[in-house]
Amino acid sequence: MLGKESGGSTFDLPEVVLQVLPSDPFEQLDVARKITSIALSTRVNSLESESSALLAQLAEKDDLIADLQSQVDSLDASLSDTSDKLSRADLEKEKLVKENDSLSNTVKKLQRDVSKLEVFRKTLMRSLQEDEENSAVAGAPLPPIIAKPTPSGKCLSPSSHVVSS
């Protein structure tokens, strides 16, 4: 259509395109407008499609962010509970350590008291045995020992020895 009438300026267009272009410049502008419209429409559709895909990805990311935020909130609550439990456990541990120390001291005191009582019992048994041996040698039986309470809370035996009750 355009053929050789264009005056030799081809604007680096392929020969096939030049053959289908109309020879009238206004018709060429109309074709150019249509080509531009098609190109713009194609580009707009492409951008809209890309935009839709990006919006879908954004929505997925927003959902992921919401899920992760929910997990963070849950983990924060769990951490807070665990920290509270740890604090209570530490306080309980301190209390138990103090109680253990106190009980250890009490056990030590009781062991000392038991040792003293054992020594006292052995001494008393030895003394009673010696008294029996002495009375057996003397031949006279000893009167029974009866403890009598005194106002101070101590018992006196007939031999006037003070015996703690």
Foldseek 3Di string as FASTA:
>chain_A
DLPCVPPPDDVPDDPVVNVPADNDVVSNVVVVVVVVVVVVVVVVVVVVVVVVVVVVVVVVVVVVVVVVVVVVVVVVVVVVVVVVVVVVVVVVVVVVVVVVVVVVVVVVVVVVVVVVVVVVVVVVVVVVVVVVVVCVVVVHDDDDWDWDADPVRWTATPVRDTDHD
